[in-house]
Amino acid sequence: MHNDDLWQAVQNRDKTMDRAFVYGVVTTGVYCRPSCSARRARRENVRFFATPAEAAEAGLRPCKRCHPLEQWRHDPDIAQLLDLCAFIEAAPESLPDGTALAKRSGLDVFQLNRLFKRHLAITPGDYIEGVRLGRIKRALRKSASVTDAVYDAGLGSSRGLYERAPRALGMTPRQYRAGGAGLDISHAIGDTPLGLACIGATDRGICYLQFGDDRATLLAQLAAEYPHARLLPMTDTAQPAFDAWMRALNAHLEGHLPNPDLPLDIRGSAFQMRVWNYLRTIPYGEVVSYGEAATAIDAPRATRALASACAKNRIAVLIPCHRVIRGDGDMGGYRWGLERKRTLIDGERRSNTKRNG
């Protein structure tokens, strides 16, 4: 079928097409059945796939509203996968590990990993951890105290909860129970070779670094990124740390400090974290294509989803999304402007030439 026909089926929420194809939304990283009741995405953000496996290979995950995999139970692999997922989610307290899943499925570890990655774009361990973190979130919302939540989530001790909280919640357990209202982000603005830069930081490190042309816009963007946090000007006691970060940032931008070692508080989806962690491994002064980056994270068809993750990066330069360009050598996109991207790439190459020359 032509893409226009597929789009019309999505527009009509045509249930008769639910086993014919799935559609993905690159801005949300989710794929759905045509009849999904979720708010319709913009056409330019939609991609069509013949099977869920193709959507997962592109880095998309199944929608939690319409559960598209359920429509493909006629596929023995998907039926087995759904059985394993139900087995994990039904576990009362102690969640099964990979060994238990392999025993239940009759697959070896390699085959089990391939089954999950093919249709869900994650490993069995990722899925188990996702179920565990979901229980943590529900327990924190419903339990009378954090201590009660520990046992309601089946963790056995508070250590597991606090170890997982920064990655799972983006804040401490108590802040999550309060809806994020207690999360403090200190911020300050300084001058750099690329213009004004706003740095926002929690007590764990830098969570926000953006470039802009005026202070009001930078602060408005910070508020939009963290609408439920309490945004505070950098305090006098924190000013020395901010000044040190700005000196390191400027030294890096001027080519004197290729690998600044600054504390980061990174938060995002599982796929975004895969992308951002990979970006930090790209050597200073080098670039890769979106296709090469997608292959490096074991998602070779996820170039659009990878580009979306780059565009949603909140920590400019320190998570160097500027080092990813198009395969034909074109700069591609950059949320802080192509001129800044070109300046960063050219500057790093010049610095490498001087350093190695």
Protein backbone atom coordinates (compact mmCIF):
# COMPACT_ATOMS: atom_id res chain seq x y z
CA MET A 1 0.00 0.00 0.00
CA HIS A 2 1.04 3.57 -0.60
CA ASN A 3 2.02 5.68 2.41
CA ASP A 4 -0.94 7.98 1.75
CA ASP A 5 -3.28 5.00 2.18
CA LEU A 6 -1.52 3.97 5.39
CA TRP A 7 -1.80 7.51 6.74
CA GLN A 8 -5.52 7.55 5.90
CA ALA A 9 -5.95 4.33 7.90
CA VAL A 10 -4.27 6.04 10.86
CA GLN A 11 -6.47 9.11 10.41
CA ASN A 12 -9.55 6.88 10.39
CA ARG A 13 -8.27 4.72 13.28
CA ASP A 14 -9.09 1.75 11.07
CA LYS A 15 -9.17 -1.42 13.23
CA THR A 16 -9.21 -3.65 10.17
CA MET A 17 -5.62 -2.55 9.46
CA ASP A 18 -4.22 -3.36 12.92
CA ARG A 19 -2.50 -6.50 11.68
CA ALA A 20 -1.39 -4.96 8.38
CA PHE A 21 1.22 -2.49 9.66
CA VAL A 22 2.30 -0.31 12.58
CA TYR A 23 3.24 3.35 12.55
CA GLY A 24 5.98 5.03 14.55
CA VAL A 25 6.24 8.57 15.85
CA VAL A 26 9.88 9.65 15.80
CA THR A 27 9.35 12.53 18.23
CA THR A 28 8.05 10.23 20.97
CA GLY A 29 10.01 7.08 20.10
CA VAL A 30 6.81 4.98 20.14
CA TYR A 31 5.06 2.78 17.57
CA CYS A 32 1.31 2.08 17.52
CA ARG A 33 -1.40 0.09 15.81
CA PRO A 34 -3.43 2.13 13.26
CA SER A 35 -6.49 2.22 15.53
CA CYS A 36 -4.61 3.67 18.52
CA SER A 37 -6.73 6.22 20.38
CA ALA A 38 -3.75 8.41 21.27
CA ARG A 39 -3.66 11.95 19.98
CA ARG A 40 -2.68 11.90 16.30
CA ALA A 41 0.89 12.86 15.53
CA ARG A 42 1.93 15.32 12.85
CA ARG A 43 2.36 13.60 9.49
CA GLU A 44 6.00 14.66 9.11
CA ASN A 45 6.85 12.81 12.36
CA VAL A 46 5.20 9.51 11.34
CA ARG A 47 6.93 6.50 9.77
CA PHE A 48 5.29 3.26 8.61
CA PHE A 49 6.55 -0.27 9.22
CA ALA A 50 5.35 -3.62 7.89
CA THR A 51 5.99 -5.36 11.24
CA PRO A 52 6.71 -4.47 14.88
CA ALA A 53 10.22 -5.89 14.43
CA GLU A 54 10.98 -3.23 11.80
CA ALA A 55 9.75 -0.51 14.15
CA ALA A 56 11.87 -1.87 17.01
CA GLU A 57 14.91 -2.02 14.73
CA ALA A 58 14.38 1.69 14.11
CA GLY A 59 14.70 2.28 17.86
CA LEU A 60 10.98 2.60 18.63
CA ARG A 61 9.16 0.95 21.54
CA PRO A 62 5.56 -0.34 21.60
CA CYS A 63 2.83 2.05 22.73
CA LYS A 64 1.56 1.38 26.27
CA ARG A 65 -1.90 2.60 25.34
CA CYS A 66 -2.72 0.37 22.35
CA HIS A 67 -0.25 -2.53 22.93
CA PRO A 68 0.41 -3.15 19.23
CA LEU A 69 2.23 -6.46 19.79
CA GLU A 70 -1.03 -8.04 20.96
CA GLN A 71 -2.30 -7.81 17.39
CA TRP A 72 0.61 -9.94 16.19
CA ARG A 73 0.20 -12.95 18.50
CA HIS A 74 -0.17 -15.12 15.41
CA ASP A 75 3.62 -14.79 15.13
CA PRO A 76 5.04 -17.57 17.37
CA ASP A 77 8.02 -15.43 18.39
CA ILE A 78 5.79 -12.57 19.50
CA ALA A 79 3.45 -14.95 21.33
CA GLN A 80 6.44 -16.35 23.23
CA LEU A 81 7.74 -12.85 23.96
CA LEU A 82 4.38 -11.71 25.35
CA ASP A 83 4.24 -14.83 27.53
CA LEU A 84 7.65 -14.00 28.98
CA CYS A 85 6.67 -10.37 29.57
CA ALA A 86 3.50 -11.49 31.38
CA PHE A 87 5.59 -13.91 33.44
CA ILE A 88 7.89 -11.06 34.52
CA GLU A 89 5.05 -8.69 35.35
CA ALA A 90 3.10 -11.33 37.30
CA ALA A 91 6.03 -12.14 39.60
CA PRO A 92 4.82 -11.16 43.10
CA GLU A 93 8.02 -9.75 44.61
CA SER A 94 11.33 -11.16 43.45
CA LEU A 95 11.44 -10.64 39.70
CA PRO A 96 12.85 -13.46 37.54
CA ASP A 97 16.32 -13.08 36.09
CA GLY A 98 17.66 -14.07 32.70
CA THR A 99 18.30 -17.64 33.82
CA ALA A 100 14.67 -18.11 34.87
CA LEU A 101 13.44 -16.62 31.60
CA ALA A 102 15.73 -18.85 29.56
CA LYS A 103 14.48 -21.92 31.44
CA ARG A 104 10.85 -20.97 30.88
CA SER A 105 11.35 -20.21 27.19
CA GLY A 106 13.69 -23.07 26.32
CA LEU A 107 16.03 -20.56 24.68
CA ASP A 108 19.66 -19.93 25.39
CA VAL A 109 20.79 -16.49 26.57
CA PHE A 110 21.77 -15.35 23.08
CA GLN A 111 18.43 -16.37 21.59
CA LEU A 112 16.55 -14.75 24.48
CA ASN A 113 18.37 -11.46 24.02
CA ARG A 114 17.74 -11.54 20.29
CA LEU A 115 14.01 -12.16 20.83
CA PHE A 116 13.63 -9.12 23.11
CA LYS A 117 15.83 -6.83 21.05
CA ARG A 118 14.13 -7.78 17.81
CA HIS A 119 10.64 -6.80 18.96
CA LEU A 120 11.18 -4.43 21.90
CA ALA A 121 14.59 -2.89 21.08
CA ILE A 122 15.77 -3.70 24.63
CA THR A 123 17.33 -6.68 26.43
CA PRO A 124 15.47 -8.94 28.88
CA GLY A 125 17.45 -7.27 31.67
CA ASP A 126 16.23 -3.85 30.51
CA TYR A 127 12.64 -5.11 30.55
CA ILE A 128 12.98 -6.59 34.03
CA GLU A 129 14.51 -3.36 35.31
CA GLY A 130 11.69 -1.38 33.69
CA VAL A 131 9.08 -3.47 35.54
CA ARG A 132 11.01 -3.00 38.79
CA LEU A 133 11.24 0.77 38.30
CA GLY A 134 7.54 0.94 37.46
CA ARG A 135 6.79 -0.73 40.78
CA ILE A 136 9.05 1.75 42.54
CA LYS A 137 7.17 4.68 41.02
CA ARG A 138 3.75 3.25 41.86
CA ALA A 139 4.85 2.42 45.39
CA LEU A 140 6.24 5.90 45.96
CA ARG A 141 2.98 7.46 44.81
CA LYS A 142 0.75 5.22 46.92
CA SER A 143 2.72 4.24 50.02
CA ALA A 144 2.50 6.14 53.28
CA SER A 145 6.27 6.65 53.40
CA VAL A 146 9.46 5.94 51.48
CA THR A 147 10.17 3.08 53.90
CA ASP A 148 6.81 1.50 53.10
CA ALA A 149 7.50 1.99 49.39
CA VAL A 150 10.72 -0.01 49.71
CA TYR A 151 8.78 -3.10 50.79
CA ASP A 152 5.74 -2.45 48.61
CA ALA A 153 8.09 -2.48 45.60
CA GLY A 154 9.68 -5.72 46.79
CA LEU A 155 13.18 -4.25 47.10
CA GLY A 156 13.92 -5.49 50.60
CA SER A 157 16.07 -2.48 51.52
CA SER A 158 16.22 1.25 50.85
CA ARG A 159 19.64 0.92 49.23
CA GLY A 160 18.18 -0.48 46.01
CA LEU A 161 15.63 2.32 45.88
CA TYR A 162 18.13 5.14 46.29
CA GLU A 163 20.61 3.54 43.87
CA ARG A 164 17.96 3.42 41.16
CA ALA A 165 16.23 6.72 41.89
CA PRO A 166 18.45 9.15 39.96
CA ARG A 167 18.18 7.14 36.74
CA ALA A 168 14.57 6.08 37.14
CA LEU A 169 13.03 9.25 38.50
CA GLY A 170 15.44 12.07 37.71
CA MET A 171 15.23 13.04 41.37
CA THR A 172 15.28 11.51 44.84
CA PRO A 173 12.42 9.24 46.00
CA ARG A 174 11.07 11.92 48.33
CA GLN A 175 11.08 14.49 45.52
CA TYR A 176 9.23 12.03 43.28
CA ARG A 177 6.56 11.50 45.95
CA ALA A 178 6.14 15.28 46.03
CA GLY A 179 5.60 15.40 42.26
CA GLY A 180 9.04 16.87 41.64
CA ALA A 181 8.08 20.13 43.33
CA GLY A 182 11.02 19.86 45.72
CA LEU A 183 13.70 19.43 43.05
CA ASP A 184 16.04 22.41 43.06
CA ILE A 185 17.93 23.44 39.94
CA SER A 186 20.41 26.26 40.40
CA HIS A 187 21.23 28.24 37.30
CA ALA A 188 23.57 30.95 36.08
CA ILE A 189 24.48 32.52 32.75
CA GLY A 190 27.96 33.34 31.48
CA ASP A 191 29.80 34.38 28.34
CA THR A 192 31.49 31.86 26.04
CA PRO A 193 33.07 31.98 22.55
CA LEU A 194 29.71 30.71 21.25
CA GLY A 195 27.65 33.40 22.97
CA LEU A 196 25.72 33.28 26.22
CA ALA A 197 25.48 29.90 27.96
CA CYS A 198 23.06 28.94 30.70
CA ILE A 199 24.12 26.17 33.07
CA GLY A 200 21.58 24.47 35.32
CA ALA A 201 22.65 22.03 38.02
CA THR A 202 21.16 19.76 40.65
CA ASP A 203 23.12 18.51 43.63
CA ARG A 204 24.36 15.69 41.37
CA GLY A 205 25.81 17.82 38.61
CA ILE A 206 25.05 19.75 35.42
CA CYS A 207 21.63 18.82 34.02
CA TYR A 208 21.28 21.67 31.54
CA LEU A 209 23.70 23.56 29.30
CA GLN A 210 22.22 25.65 26.52
CA PHE A 211 23.44 28.43 24.25
CA GLY A 212 21.37 31.47 23.36
CA ASP A 213 21.40 35.11 22.38
CA ASP A 214 19.68 36.64 25.41
CA ARG A 215 19.15 35.85 29.07
CA ALA A 216 15.35 35.92 29.01
CA THR A 217 15.12 33.27 26.29
CA LEU A 218 17.64 31.02 28.03
CA LEU A 219 15.75 31.17 31.31
CA ALA A 220 12.43 30.56 29.55
CA GLN A 221 13.90 27.47 27.88
CA LEU A 222 15.15 26.19 31.22
CA ALA A 223 11.68 26.61 32.73
CA ALA A 224 10.13 24.77 29.77
CA GLU A 225 12.54 21.84 30.17
CA TYR A 226 11.88 21.49 33.92
CA PRO A 227 8.34 22.81 34.53
CA HIS A 228 7.90 21.18 37.96
CA ALA A 229 11.30 21.98 39.43
CA ARG A 230 12.16 24.93 41.62
CA LEU A 231 14.53 27.09 39.59
CA LEU A 232 16.90 29.19 41.67
CA PRO A 233 19.69 31.62 40.79
CA MET A 234 23.10 30.21 41.62
CA THR A 235 23.82 30.87 45.30
CA ASP A 236 26.96 32.58 46.57
CA THR A 237 28.21 29.31 48.03
CA ALA A 238 27.76 27.54 44.69
CA GLN A 239 29.31 30.36 42.65
CA PRO A 240 32.89 29.01 42.86
CA ALA A 241 31.75 25.69 41.36
CA PHE A 242 29.88 27.50 38.58
CA ASP A 243 32.92 29.68 37.86
CA ALA A 244 35.10 26.57 37.65
CA TRP A 245 32.63 24.93 35.26
CA MET A 246 32.56 28.03 33.06
CA ARG A 247 36.37 28.19 32.97
CA ALA A 248 36.50 24.52 31.98
CA LEU A 249 33.79 25.02 29.33
CA ASN A 250 35.57 28.01 27.83
CA ALA A 251 38.92 26.23 27.90
CA HIS A 252 37.27 23.35 26.06
CA LEU A 253 35.67 25.66 23.48
CA GLU A 254 39.01 27.39 22.94
CA GLY A 255 40.72 24.07 22.29
CA HIS A 256 42.80 23.91 25.48
CA LEU A 257 40.83 21.19 27.30
CA PRO A 258 39.70 18.43 24.90
CA ASN A 259 38.02 16.27 27.56
CA PRO A 260 36.56 18.36 30.40
CA ASP A 261 35.71 16.20 33.40
CA LEU A 262 32.59 17.87 34.77
CA PRO A 263 29.84 16.22 36.87
CA LEU A 264 26.69 15.55 34.84
CA ASP A 265 23.16 14.69 35.93
CA ILE A 266 21.81 13.03 32.77
CA ARG A 267 18.18 11.96 32.52
CA GLY A 268 16.24 10.54 29.61
CA SER A 269 14.57 7.46 28.14
CA ALA A 270 16.48 4.20 27.78
CA PHE A 271 17.08 4.85 24.08
CA GLN A 272 18.14 8.46 24.67
CA MET A 273 20.60 7.31 27.31
CA ARG A 274 22.08 4.80 24.86
CA VAL A 275 22.55 7.57 22.31
CA TRP A 276 23.92 10.16 24.74
CA ASN A 277 26.33 7.72 26.35
CA TYR A 278 27.64 6.79 22.90
CA LEU A 279 28.05 10.45 21.92
CA ARG A 280 30.40 10.92 24.86
CA THR A 281 32.69 8.24 23.41
CA ILE A 282 33.20 10.01 20.05
CA PRO A 283 36.80 11.33 20.15
CA TYR A 284 37.43 15.06 20.29
CA GLY A 285 37.85 16.46 16.79
CA GLU A 286 36.18 13.55 15.03
CA VAL A 287 32.71 13.20 13.52
CA VAL A 288 30.48 10.25 12.65
CA SER A 289 27.40 9.99 10.47
CA TYR A 290 23.94 9.37 11.87
CA GLY A 291 24.06 5.93 10.24
CA GLU A 292 27.41 5.11 11.83
CA ALA A 293 26.15 6.24 15.22
CA ALA A 294 23.00 4.12 14.88
CA THR A 295 25.10 1.08 13.99
CA ALA A 296 27.39 1.75 16.96
CA ILE A 297 24.46 1.50 19.39
CA ASP A 298 23.25 -1.69 17.69
CA ALA A 299 20.23 -0.02 16.08
CA PRO A 300 21.31 0.40 12.44
CA ARG A 301 17.87 1.43 11.18
CA ALA A 302 17.22 3.92 13.96
CA THR A 303 18.86 6.92 12.31
CA ARG A 304 15.78 9.13 12.64
CA ALA A 305 15.21 8.14 16.26
CA LEU A 306 18.91 8.78 16.93
CA ALA A 307 18.67 12.22 15.31
CA SER A 308 15.65 12.94 17.52
CA ALA A 309 17.64 11.94 20.64
CA CYS A 310 20.45 14.28 19.54
CA ALA A 311 17.94 17.10 19.11
CA LYS A 312 16.59 16.53 22.64
CA ASN A 313 20.02 16.69 24.27
CA ARG A 314 19.82 19.18 27.16
CA ILE A 315 23.57 19.38 27.81
CA ALA A 316 25.29 21.00 24.86
CA VAL A 317 28.97 20.28 24.10
CA LEU A 318 29.52 18.08 27.17
CA ILE A 319 27.26 15.56 25.46
CA PRO A 320 28.73 16.26 22.01
CA CYS A 321 25.81 15.76 19.64
CA HIS A 322 27.57 18.25 17.33
CA ARG A 323 29.94 15.43 16.34
CA VAL A 324 27.17 13.64 14.42
CA ILE A 325 26.61 14.75 10.81
CA ARG A 326 24.86 13.41 7.73
CA GLY A 327 26.41 10.65 5.66
CA ASP A 328 26.89 12.98 2.69
CA GLY A 329 29.01 15.35 4.80
CA ASP A 330 26.24 17.90 5.34
CA MET A 331 26.12 19.33 8.87
CA GLY A 332 22.59 18.10 9.55
CA GLY A 333 20.58 19.76 12.32
CA TYR A 334 21.65 21.39 15.57
CA ARG A 335 19.28 22.89 18.10
CA TRP A 336 21.69 25.74 18.88
CA GLY A 337 22.19 26.71 15.23
CA LEU A 338 24.28 25.31 12.39
CA GLU A 339 26.81 28.12 12.69
CA ARG A 340 27.64 27.02 16.23
CA LYS A 341 27.87 23.39 15.08
CA ARG A 342 30.25 24.32 12.28
CA THR A 343 32.34 26.43 14.66
CA LEU A 344 32.60 23.56 17.15
CA ILE A 345 33.64 20.98 14.55
CA ASP A 346 36.14 23.28 12.81
CA GLY A 347 37.59 24.42 16.13
CA GLU A 348 38.12 20.87 17.36
CA ARG A 349 39.79 19.86 14.11
CA ARG A 350 42.16 22.85 14.24
CA SER A 351 43.05 22.12 17.85
CA ASN A 352 43.78 18.48 17.01
CA THR A 353 45.97 19.54 14.10
CA LYS A 354 48.00 21.88 16.33
CA ARG A 355 48.24 19.32 19.10
CA ASN A 356 49.38 16.52 16.76
CA GLY A 357 51.35 18.67 14.40
